[in-house]
PDB file of N, CA and C in Angstrom:
ATOM      1  N   MET A   1      20.933  64.201  26.531  1.00  0.00           N
ATOM      2  CA  MET A   1      22.149  64.961  26.667  1.00  0.00           C
ATOM      3  C   MET A   1      21.766  66.442  26.681  1.00  0.00           C
ATOM      4  N   ASN A   2      22.287  67.150  27.671  1.00  0.00           N
ATOM      5  CA  ASN A   2      21.967  68.577  27.718  1.00  0.00           C
ATOM      6  C   ASN A   2      23.019  69.393  26.960  1.00  0.00           C
ATOM      7  N   LYS A   3      22.714  70.643  26.794  1.00  0.00           N
ATOM      8  CA  LYS A   3      23.555  71.540  25.995  1.00  0.00           C
ATOM      9  C   LYS A   3      24.949  71.705  26.601  1.00  0.00           C
ATOM     10  N   LYS A   4      25.022  71.745  27.937  1.00  0.00           N
ATOM     11  CA  LYS A   4      26.296  71.923  28.628  1.00  0.00           C
ATOM     12  C   LYS A   4      27.228  70.735  28.378  1.00  0.00           C
ATOM     13  N   SER A   5      26.734  69.531  28.465  1.00  0.00           N
ATOM     14  CA  SER A   5      27.539  68.330  28.218  1.00  0.00           C
ATOM     15  C   SER A   5      28.004  68.274  26.767  1.00  0.00           C
ATOM     16  N   PHE A   6      27.126  68.645  25.869  1.00  0.00           N
ATOM     17  CA  PHE A   6      27.468  68.639  24.447  1.00  0.00           C
ATOM     18  C   PHE A   6      28.615  69.609  24.162  1.00  0.00           C
ATOM     19  N   LEU A   7      28.528  70.825  24.696  1.00  0.00           N
ATOM     20  CA  LEU A   7      29.587  71.824  24.490  1.00  0.00           C
ATOM     21  C   LEU A   7      30.901  71.393  25.147  1.00  0.00           C
ATOM     22  N   ALA A   8      30.816  70.777  26.313  1.00  0.00           N
ATOM     23  CA  ALA A   8      32.029  70.293  26.984  1.00  0.00           C
ATOM     24  C   ALA A   8      32.707  69.220  26.133  1.00  0.00           C
ATOM     25  N   GLY A   9      31.933  68.348  25.532  1.00  0.00           N
ATOM     26  CA  GLY A   9      32.486  67.309  24.654  1.00  0.00           C
ATOM     27  C   GLY A   9      33.159  67.895  23.429  1.00  0.00           C
ATOM     28  N   ILE A  10      32.534  68.896  22.838  1.00  0.00           N
ATOM     29  CA  ILE A  10      33.123  69.552  21.661  1.00  0.00           C
ATOM     30  C   ILE A  10      34.425  70.248  22.044  1.00  0.00           C
ATOM     31  N   MET A  11      34.457  70.937  23.176  1.00  0.00           N
ATOM     32  CA  MET A  11      35.668  71.635  23.615  1.00  0.00           C
ATOM     33  C   MET A  11      36.804  70.641  23.881  1.00  0.00           C
ATOM     34  N   CYS A  12      36.482  69.508  24.494  1.00  0.00           N
ATOM     35  CA  CYS A  12      37.506  68.477  24.729  1.00  0.00           C
ATOM     36  C   CYS A  12      38.043  67.943  23.404  1.00  0.00           C
ATOM     37  N   GLY A  13      37.172  67.725  22.448  1.00  0.00           N
ATOM     38  CA  GLY A  13      37.593  67.239  21.134  1.00  0.00           C
ATOM     39  C   GLY A  13      38.499  68.225  20.420  1.00  0.00           C
ATOM     40  N   ILE A  14      38.160  69.503  20.488  1.00  0.00           N
ATOM     41  CA  ILE A  14      38.991  70.535  19.857  1.00  0.00           C
ATOM     42  C   ILE A  14      40.361  70.600  20.531  1.00  0.00           C
ATOM     43  N   ALA A  15      40.381  70.571  21.862  1.00  0.00           N
ATOM     44  CA  ALA A  15      41.653  70.624  22.591  1.00  0.00           C
ATOM     45  C   ALA A  15      42.516  69.411  22.264  1.00  0.00           C
ATOM     46  N   PHE A  16      41.914  68.234  22.225  1.00  0.00           N
ATOM     47  CA  PHE A  16      42.662  67.020  21.894  1.00  0.00           C
ATOM     48  C   PHE A  16      43.232  67.103  20.482  1.00  0.00           C
ATOM     49  N   GLY A  17      42.437  67.567  19.538  1.00  0.00           N
ATOM     50  CA  GLY A  17      42.899  67.707  18.156  1.00  0.00           C
ATOM     51  C   GLY A  17      44.049  68.684  18.036  1.00  0.00           C
ATOM     52  N   PHE A  18      43.962  69.801  18.734  1.00  0.00           N
ATOM     53  CA  PHE A  18      45.026  70.800  18.693  1.00  0.00           C
ATOM     54  C   PHE A  18      46.320  70.239  19.277  1.00  0.00           C
ATOM     55  N   LEU A  19      46.242  69.608  20.442  1.00  0.00           N
ATOM     56  CA  LEU A  19      47.443  69.060  21.079  1.00  0.00           C
ATOM     57  C   LEU A  19      48.043  67.922  20.264  1.00  0.00           C
ATOM     58  N   SER A  20      47.208  67.101  19.657  1.00  0.00           N
ATOM     59  CA  SER A  20      47.701  66.001  18.819  1.00  0.00           C
ATOM     60  C   SER A  20      48.433  66.530  17.595  1.00  0.00           C
ATOM     61  N   SER A  21      47.867  67.523  16.942  1.00  0.00           N
ATOM     62  CA  SER A  21      48.519  68.063  15.742  1.00  0.00           C
ATOM     63  C   SER A  21      49.821  68.759  16.100  1.00  0.00           C
ATOM     64  N   LYS A  22      49.875  69.424  17.235  1.00  0.00           N
ATOM     65  CA  LYS A  22      51.110  70.084  17.671  1.00  0.00           C
ATOM     66  C   LYS A  22      52.189  69.049  17.967  1.00  0.00           C
ATOM     67  N   ALA A  23      51.852  67.966  18.642  1.00  0.00           N
ATOM     68  CA  ALA A  23      52.827  66.917  18.950  1.00  0.00           C
ATOM     69  C   ALA A  23      53.342  66.265  17.680  1.00  0.00           C
ATOM     70  N   MET A  24      52.469  66.028  16.716  1.00  0.00           N
ATOM     71  CA  MET A  24      52.896  65.406  15.460  1.00  0.00           C
ATOM     72  C   MET A  24      53.804  66.340  14.673  1.00  0.00           C
ATOM     73  N   THR A  25      53.521  67.626  14.678  1.00  0.00           N
ATOM     74  CA  THR A  25      54.334  68.600  13.952  1.00  0.00           C
ATOM     75  C   THR A  25      55.714  68.732  14.579  1.00  0.00           C
ATOM     76  N   GLU A  26      55.800  68.712  15.903  1.00  0.00           N
ATOM     77  CA  GLU A  26      57.082  68.850  16.582  1.00  0.00           C
ATOM     78  C   GLU A  26      57.981  67.656  16.327  1.00  0.00           C
ATOM     79  N   ASN A  27      57.436  66.470  16.161  1.00  0.00           N
ATOM     80  CA  ASN A  27      58.234  65.268  15.955  1.00  0.00           C
ATOM     81  C   ASN A  27      58.602  65.040  14.495  1.00  0.00           C
ATOM     82  N   ARG A  28      58.070  65.832  13.590  1.00  0.00           N
ATOM     83  CA  ARG A  28      58.320  65.643  12.175  1.00  0.00           C
ATOM     84  C   ARG A  28      59.576  66.394  11.755  1.00  0.00           C
ATOM     85  N   SER A  29      60.359  65.806  10.880  1.00  0.00           N
ATOM     86  CA  SER A  29      61.565  66.438  10.369  1.00  0.00           C
ATOM     87  C   SER A  29      61.201  67.517   9.359  1.00  0.00           C
ATOM     88  N   LYS A  30      62.053  68.528   9.290  1.00  0.00           N
ATOM     89  CA  LYS A  30      61.848  69.588   8.316  1.00  0.00           C
ATOM     90  C   LYS A  30      62.158  69.080   6.914  1.00  0.00           C
ATOM     91  N   PHE A  31      63.191  68.245   6.776  1.00  0.00           N
ATOM     92  CA  PHE A  31      63.596  67.695   5.489  1.00  0.00           C
ATOM     93  C   PHE A  31      63.287  66.204   5.439  1.00  0.00           C
ATOM     94  N   THR A  32      62.917  65.713   4.271  1.00  0.00           N
ATOM     95  CA  THR A  32      62.783  64.270   4.085  1.00  0.00           C
ATOM     96  C   THR A  32      64.163  63.702   3.789  1.00  0.00           C
ATOM     97  N   SER A  33      64.288  62.392   3.870  1.00  0.00           N
ATOM     98  CA  SER A  33      65.573  61.761   3.566  1.00  0.00           C
ATOM     99  C   SER A  33      65.973  62.013   2.117  1.00  0.00           C
ATOM    100  N   GLU A  34      65.008  62.019   1.216  1.00  0.00           N
ATOM    101  CA  GLU A  34      65.300  62.256  -0.200  1.00  0.00           C
ATOM    102  C   GLU A  34      65.815  63.673  -0.433  1.00  0.00           C
ATOM    103  N   GLU A  35      65.244  64.651   0.278  1.00  0.00           N
ATOM    104  CA  GLU A  35      65.709  66.037   0.144  1.00  0.00           C
ATOM    105  C   GLU A  35      67.138  66.191   0.655  1.00  0.00           C
ATOM    106  N   ILE A  36      67.437  65.550   1.782  1.00  0.00           N
ATOM    107  CA  ILE A  36      68.801  65.591   2.333  1.00  0.00           C
ATOM    108  C   ILE A  36      69.778  64.981   1.344  1.00  0.00           C
ATOM    109  N   LEU A  37      69.440  63.815   0.798  1.00  0.00           N
ATOM    110  CA  LEU A  37      70.336  63.147  -0.145  1.00  0.00           C
ATOM    111  C   LEU A  37      70.555  64.011  -1.386  1.00  0.00           C
ATOM    112  N   HIS A  38      69.511  64.638  -1.878  1.00  0.00           N
ATOM    113  CA  HIS A  38      69.625  65.518  -3.044  1.00  0.00           C
ATOM    114  C   HIS A  38      70.579  66.685  -2.753  1.00  0.00           C
ATOM    115  N   LEU A  39      70.447  67.306  -1.578  1.00  0.00           N
ATOM    116  CA  LEU A  39      71.331  68.410  -1.198  1.00  0.00           C
ATOM    117  C   LEU A  39      72.788  67.960  -1.138  1.00  0.00           C
ATOM    118  N   ILE A  40      73.027  66.805  -0.532  1.00  0.00           N
ATOM    119  CA  ILE A  40      74.399  66.318  -0.376  1.00  0.00           C
ATOM    120  C   ILE A  40      74.995  65.919  -1.717  1.00  0.00           C
ATOM    121  N   LYS A  41      74.205  65.272  -2.562  1.00  0.00           N
ATOM    122  CA  LYS A  41      74.715  64.895  -3.888  1.00  0.00           C
ATOM    123  C   LYS A  41      75.067  66.132  -4.709  1.00  0.00           C
ATOM    124  N   ASN A  42      74.246  67.163  -4.643  1.00  0.00           N
ATOM    125  CA  ASN A  42      74.544  68.400  -5.376  1.00  0.00           C
ATOM    126  C   ASN A  42      75.809  69.068  -4.850  1.00  0.00           C
ATOM    127  N   THR A  43      75.981  69.088  -3.536  1.00  0.00           N
ATOM    128  CA  THR A  43      77.166  69.699  -2.944  1.00  0.00           C
ATOM    129  C   THR A  43      78.418  68.889  -3.262  1.00  0.00           C
ATOM    130  N   ALA A  44      78.354  67.577  -3.094  1.00  0.00           N
ATOM    131  CA  ALA A  44      79.514  66.717  -3.334  1.00  0.00           C
ATOM    132  C   ALA A  44      79.853  66.631  -4.815  1.00  0.00           C
ATOM    133  N   GLY A  45      78.869  66.774  -5.668  1.00  0.00           N
ATOM    134  CA  GLY A  45      79.094  66.681  -7.104  1.00  0.00           C
ATOM    135  C   GLY A  45      79.810  67.885  -7.692  1.00  0.00           C
ATOM    136  N   ALA A  46      80.002  68.928  -6.888  1.00  0.00           N
ATOM    137  CA  ALA A  46      80.671  70.129  -7.384  1.00  0.00           C
ATOM    138  C   ALA A  46      82.144  69.880  -7.712  1.00  0.00           C
ATOM    139  N   ASN A  47      82.777  68.939  -7.012  1.00  0.00           N
ATOM    140  CA  ASN A  47      84.195  68.665  -7.270  1.00  0.00           C
ATOM    141  C   ASN A  47      84.454  67.193  -7.596  1.00  0.00           C
ATOM    142  N   GLY A  48      83.535  66.564  -8.260  1.00  0.00           N
ATOM    143  CA  GLY A  48      83.671  65.171  -8.675  1.00  0.00           C
ATOM    144  C   GLY A  48      82.321  64.613  -9.071  1.00  0.00           C
ATOM    145  N   LYS A  49      82.333  63.518  -9.803  1.00  0.00           N
ATOM    146  CA  LYS A  49      81.083  62.913 -10.269  1.00  0.00           C
ATOM    147  C   LYS A  49      80.570  61.903  -9.239  1.00  0.00           C
ATOM    148  N   VAL A  50      79.321  62.082  -8.796  1.00  0.00           N
ATOM    149  CA  VAL A  50      78.688  61.144  -7.867  1.00  0.00           C
ATOM    150  C   VAL A  50      78.175  59.961  -8.676  1.00  0.00           C
ATOM    151  N   THR A  51      78.632  58.751  -8.318  1.00  0.00           N
ATOM    152  CA  THR A  51      78.243  57.553  -9.067  1.00  0.00           C
ATOM    153  C   THR A  51      77.278  56.656  -8.305  1.00  0.00           C
ATOM    154  N   GLY A  52      77.094  56.910  -7.021  1.00  0.00           N
ATOM    155  CA  GLY A  52      76.164  56.097  -6.235  1.00  0.00           C
ATOM    156  C   GLY A  52      75.823  56.793  -4.932  1.00  0.00           C
ATOM    157  N   SER A  53      74.680  56.429  -4.343  1.00  0.00           N
ATOM    158  CA  SER A  53      74.274  57.048  -3.086  1.00  0.00           C
ATOM    159  C   SER A  53      73.228  56.190  -2.389  1.00  0.00           C
ATOM    160  N   TRP A  54      73.112  56.380  -1.084  1.00  0.00           N
ATOM    161  CA  TRP A  54      72.085  55.711  -0.294  1.00  0.00           C
ATOM    162  C   TRP A  54      71.797  56.574   0.935  1.00  0.00           C
ATOM    163  N   ILE A  55      70.618  56.366   1.542  1.00  0.00           N
ATOM    164  CA  ILE A  55      70.260  57.068   2.771  1.00  0.00           C
ATOM    165  C   ILE A  55      69.193  56.260   3.505  1.00  0.00           C
ATOM    166  N   MET A  56      69.261  56.265   4.825  1.00  0.00           N
ATOM    167  CA  MET A  56      68.230  55.626   5.641  1.00  0.00           C
ATOM    168  C   MET A  56      66.983  56.516   5.597  1.00  0.00           C
ATOM    169  N   THR A  57      65.807  55.914   5.557  1.00  0.00           N
ATOM    170  CA  THR A  57      64.579  56.699   5.398  1.00  0.00           C
ATOM    171  C   THR A  57      64.036  57.257   6.709  1.00  0.00           C
ATOM    172  N   LYS A  58      64.491  56.740   7.842  1.00  0.00           N
ATOM    173  CA  LYS A  58      64.042  57.249   9.137  1.00  0.00           C
ATOM    174  C   LYS A  58      65.226  57.856   9.874  1.00  0.00           C
ATOM    175  N   PRO A  59      65.044  59.047  10.461  1.00  0.00           N
ATOM    176  CA  PRO A  59      66.152  59.658  11.194  1.00  0.00           C
ATOM    177  C   PRO A  59      66.446  58.901  12.483  1.00  0.00           C
ATOM    178  N   GLU A  60      67.703  58.977  12.909  1.00  0.00           N
ATOM    179  CA  GLU A  60      68.122  58.374  14.169  1.00  0.00           C
ATOM    180  C   GLU A  60      68.493  59.489  15.139  1.00  0.00           C
ATOM    181  N   THR A  61      68.478  59.186  16.433  1.00  0.00           N
ATOM    182  CA  THR A  61      68.856  60.162  17.446  1.00  0.00           C
ATOM    183  C   THR A  61      70.367  60.148  17.599  1.00  0.00           C
ATOM    184  N   LEU A  62      70.968  61.326  17.551  1.00  0.00           N
ATOM    185  CA  LEU A  62      72.416  61.472  17.668  1.00  0.00           C
ATOM    186  C   LEU A  62      72.707  62.462  18.779  1.00  0.00           C
ATOM    187  N   ASN A  63      73.530  62.054  19.753  1.00  0.00           N
ATOM    188  CA  ASN A  63      73.982  62.948  20.816  1.00  0.00           C
ATOM    189  C   ASN A  63      75.414  63.348  20.502  1.00  0.00           C
ATOM    190  N   GLN A  64      75.631  64.648  20.283  1.00  0.00           N
ATOM    191  CA  GLN A  64      76.943  65.133  19.888  1.00  0.00           C
ATOM    192  C   GLN A  64      77.176  66.503  20.517  1.00  0.00           C
ATOM    193  N   ASN A  65      78.292  66.646  21.230  1.00  0.00           N
ATOM    194  CA  ASN A  65      78.667  67.927  21.848  1.00  0.00           C
ATOM    195  C   ASN A  65      77.555  68.492  22.729  1.00  0.00           C
ATOM    196  N   SER A  66      76.970  67.665  23.553  1.00  0.00           N
ATOM    197  CA  SER A  66      75.900  68.047  24.484  1.00  0.00           C
ATOM    198  C   SER A  66      74.600  68.464  23.800  1.00  0.00           C
ATOM    199  N   PHE A  67      74.450  68.170  22.508  1.00  0.00           N
ATOM    200  CA  PHE A  67      73.216  68.450  21.785  1.00  0.00           C
ATOM    201  C   PHE A  67      72.622  67.142  21.286  1.00  0.00           C
ATOM    202  N   THR A  68      71.312  67.105  21.159  1.00  0.00           N
ATOM    203  CA  THR A  68      70.628  65.943  20.613  1.00  0.00           C
ATOM    204  C   THR A  68      70.023  66.333  19.271  1.00  0.00           C
ATOM    205  N   TYR A  69      70.304  65.513  18.255  1.00  0.00           N
ATOM    206  CA  TYR A  69      69.836  65.772  16.901  1.00  0.00           C
ATOM    207  C   TYR A  69      69.023  64.590  16.401  1.00  0.00           C
ATOM    208  N   GLN A  70      68.117  64.852  15.480  1.00  0.00           N
ATOM    209  CA  GLN A  70      67.508  63.818  14.659  1.00  0.00           C
ATOM    210  C   GLN A  70      68.284  63.877  13.349  1.00  0.00           C
ATOM    211  N   ALA A  71      68.939  62.782  12.985  1.00  0.00           N
ATOM    212  CA  ALA A  71      69.841  62.819  11.833  1.00  0.00           C
ATOM    213  C   ALA A  71      69.612  61.634  10.912  1.00  0.00           C
ATOM    214  N   TYR A  72      69.801  61.895   9.625  1.00  0.00           N
ATOM    215  CA  TYR A  72      69.752  60.847   8.612  1.00  0.00           C
ATOM    216  C   TYR A  72      71.167  60.345   8.351  1.00  0.00           C
ATOM    217  N   ARG A  73      71.331  59.030   8.279  1.00  0.00           N
ATOM    218  CA  ARG A  73      72.608  58.404   7.934  1.00  0.00           C
ATOM    219  C   ARG A  73      72.561  58.009   6.466  1.00  0.00           C
ATOM    220  N   GLY A  74      73.649  58.277   5.757  1.00  0.00           N
ATOM    221  CA  GLY A  74      73.701  57.940   4.342  1.00  0.00           C
ATOM    222  C   GLY A  74      75.122  57.866   3.844  1.00  0.00           C
ATOM    223  N   GLY A  75      75.253  57.677   2.547  1.00  0.00           N
ATOM    224  CA  GLY A  75      76.577  57.606   1.946  1.00  0.00           C
ATOM    225  C   GLY A  75      76.525  57.891   0.461  1.00  0.00           C
ATOM    226  N   ILE A  76      77.684  58.261  -0.066  1.00  0.00           N
ATOM    227  CA  ILE A  76      77.809  58.480  -1.507  1.00  0.00           C
ATOM    228  C   ILE A  76      79.115  57.872  -1.994  1.00  0.00           C
ATOM    229  N   THR A  77      79.148  57.568  -3.272  1.00  0.00           N
ATOM    230  CA  THR A  77      80.361  57.147  -3.961  1.00  0.00           C
ATOM    231  C   THR A  77      80.588  58.159  -5.066  1.00  0.00           C
ATOM    232  N   LYS A  78      81.832  58.635  -5.170  1.00  0.00           N
ATOM    233  CA  LYS A  78      82.115  59.619  -6.207  1.00  0.00           C
ATOM    234  C   LYS A  78      83.510  59.416  -6.775  1.00  0.00           C
ATOM    235  N   ILE A  79      83.716  59.944  -7.959  1.00  0.00           N
ATOM    236  CA  ILE A  79      85.001  59.883  -8.637  1.00  0.00           C
ATOM    237  C   ILE A  79      85.714  61.214  -8.417  1.00  0.00           C
ATOM    238  N   GLU A  80      86.899  61.143  -7.812  1.00  0.00           N
ATOM    239  CA  GLU A  80      87.751  62.313  -7.617  1.00  0.00           C
ATOM    240  C   GLU A  80      89.131  61.976  -8.147  1.00  0.00           C
ATOM    241  N   ASP A  81      89.650  62.777  -9.043  1.00  0.00           N
ATOM    242  CA  ASP A  81      90.988  62.555  -9.613  1.00  0.00           C
ATOM    243  C   ASP A  81      91.144  61.132 -10.144  1.00  0.00           C
ATOM    244  N   ASN A  82      90.142  60.668 -10.886  1.00  0.00           N
ATOM    245  CA  ASN A  82      90.120  59.321 -11.478  1.00  0.00           C
ATOM    246  C   ASN A  82      90.187  58.205 -10.440  1.00  0.00           C
ATOM    247  N   ASP A  83      89.785  58.483  -9.219  1.00  0.00           N
ATOM    248  CA  ASP A  83      89.798  57.493  -8.143  1.00  0.00           C
ATOM    249  C   ASP A  83      88.409  57.450  -7.504  1.00  0.00           C
ATOM    250  N   GLU A  84      87.873  56.238  -7.310  1.00  0.00           N
ATOM    251  CA  GLU A  84      86.556  56.084  -6.688  1.00  0.00           C
ATOM    252  C   GLU A  84      86.705  56.161  -5.171  1.00  0.00           C
ATOM    253  N   LYS A  85      85.929  57.048  -4.543  1.00  0.00           N
ATOM    254  CA  LYS A  85      85.981  57.216  -3.091  1.00  0.00           C
ATOM    255  C   LYS A  85      84.580  57.058  -2.517  1.00  0.00           C
ATOM    256  N   HIS A  86      84.518  56.466  -1.320  1.00  0.00           N
ATOM    257  CA  HIS A  86      83.249  56.227  -0.629  1.00  0.00           C
ATOM    258  C   HIS A  86      83.207  57.099   0.630  1.00  0.00           C
ATOM    259  N   PHE A  87      82.087  57.763   0.835  1.00  0.00           N
ATOM    260  CA  PHE A  87      81.898  58.635   1.988  1.00  0.00           C
ATOM    261  C   PHE A  87      80.608  58.255   2.702  1.00  0.00           C
ATOM    262  N   GLU A  88      80.605  58.409   4.032  1.00  0.00           N
ATOM    263  CA  GLU A  88      79.385  58.265   4.825  1.00  0.00           C
ATOM    264  C   GLU A  88      79.143  59.575   5.551  1.00  0.00           C
ATOM    265  N   PHE A  89      77.876  59.861   5.841  1.00  0.00           N
ATOM    266  CA  PHE A  89      77.532  61.124   6.492  1.00  0.00           C
ATOM    267  C   PHE A  89      76.366  60.947   7.442  1.00  0.00           C
ATOM    268  N   LEU A  90      76.252  61.883   8.355  1.00  0.00           N
ATOM    269  CA  LEU A  90      75.071  62.077   9.191  1.00  0.00           C
ATOM    270  C   LEU A  90      74.651  63.522   8.976  1.00  0.00           C
ATOM    271  N   ALA A  91      73.401  63.742   8.616  1.00  0.00           N
ATOM    272  CA  ALA A  91      72.897  65.090   8.347  1.00  0.00           C
ATOM    273  C   ALA A  91      71.696  65.382   9.237  1.00  0.00           C
ATOM    274  N   ASP A  92      71.676  66.572   9.801  1.00  0.00           N
ATOM    275  CA  ASP A  92      70.587  67.015  10.663  1.00  0.00           C
ATOM    276  C   ASP A  92      69.280  67.021   9.866  1.00  0.00           C
ATOM    277  N   ALA A  93      68.274  66.333  10.375  1.00  0.00           N
ATOM    278  CA  ALA A  93      66.993  66.215   9.675  1.00  0.00           C
ATOM    279  C   ALA A  93      66.213  67.529   9.658  1.00  0.00           C
ATOM    280  N   ASN A  94      66.514  68.432  10.580  1.00  0.00           N
ATOM    281  CA  ASN A  94      65.773  69.695  10.655  1.00  0.00           C
ATOM    282  C   ASN A  94      66.423  70.832   9.877  1.00  0.00           C
ATOM    283  N   THR A  95      67.758  70.839   9.806  1.00  0.00           N
ATOM    284  CA  THR A  95      68.453  71.951   9.145  1.00  0.00           C
ATOM    285  C   THR A  95      69.148  71.543   7.853  1.00  0.00           C
ATOM    286  N   GLY A  96      69.421  70.252   7.686  1.00  0.00           N
ATOM    287  CA  GLY A  96      70.171  69.788   6.521  1.00  0.00           C
ATOM    288  C   GLY A  96      71.670  69.870   6.707  1.00  0.00           C
ATOM    289  N   GLU A  97      72.123  70.380   7.839  1.00  0.00           N
ATOM    290  CA  GLU A  97      73.552  70.535   8.116  1.00  0.00           C
ATOM    291  C   GLU A  97      74.229  69.167   8.234  1.00  0.00           C
ATOM    292  N   ILE A  98      75.426  69.047   7.664  1.00  0.00           N
ATOM    293  CA  ILE A  98      76.190  67.805   7.780  1.00  0.00           C
ATOM    294  C   ILE A  98      76.848  67.791   9.154  1.00  0.00           C
ATOM    295  N   LEU A  99      76.505  66.794   9.972  1.00  0.00           N
ATOM    296  CA  LEU A  99      77.036  66.679  11.324  1.00  0.00           C
ATOM    297  C   LEU A  99      78.304  65.837  11.358  1.00  0.00           C
ATOM    298  N   GLU A 100      78.381  64.829  10.507  1.00  0.00           N
ATOM    299  CA  GLU A 100      79.568  63.980  10.397  1.00  0.00           C
ATOM    300  C   GLU A 100      79.794  63.652   8.931  1.00  0.00           C
ATOM    301  N   TRP A 101      81.065  63.580   8.537  1.00  0.00           N
ATOM    302  CA  TRP A 101      81.450  63.250   7.164  1.00  0.00           C
ATOM    303  C   TRP A 101      82.729  62.444   7.257  1.00  0.00           C
ATOM    304  N   SER A 102      82.745  61.239   6.714  1.00  0.00           N
ATOM    305  CA  SER A 102      83.954  60.417   6.803  1.00  0.00           C
ATOM    306  C   SER A 102      84.166  59.616   5.529  1.00  0.00           C
ATOM    307  N   ILE A 103      85.448  59.363   5.238  1.00  0.00           N
ATOM    308  CA  ILE A 103      85.820  58.508   4.113  1.00  0.00           C
ATOM    309  C   ILE A 103      85.792  57.074   4.609  1.00  0.00           C
ATOM    310  N   VAL A 104      85.195  56.197   3.836  1.00  0.00           N
ATOM    311  CA  VAL A 104      85.084  54.782   4.224  1.00  0.00           C
ATOM    312  C   VAL A 104      86.156  53.996   3.510  1.00  0.00           C
TER     313      VAL A 104
END
């Protein structure tokens, strides 16, 4: 193996590594499902006691208002005015913003 072939192989390896890491970083969510659930429980708990919660661990693709989001689906149960209420939500995996909120 000559020096030129060796250097070409190293350059290809570096380029492949860089492109692979960039692709993996772009596809990764900014928030984990646990972080999203923690944020929502803290926000919802401000005006009632949260008694239960769940969240899907992998984000799903959501098309809403001509935008595409990676979103976590989840739900909480809380006590408001001595009444148990169930809510479901979709939260943006990159920003933490609540995209949908509904009473079940």
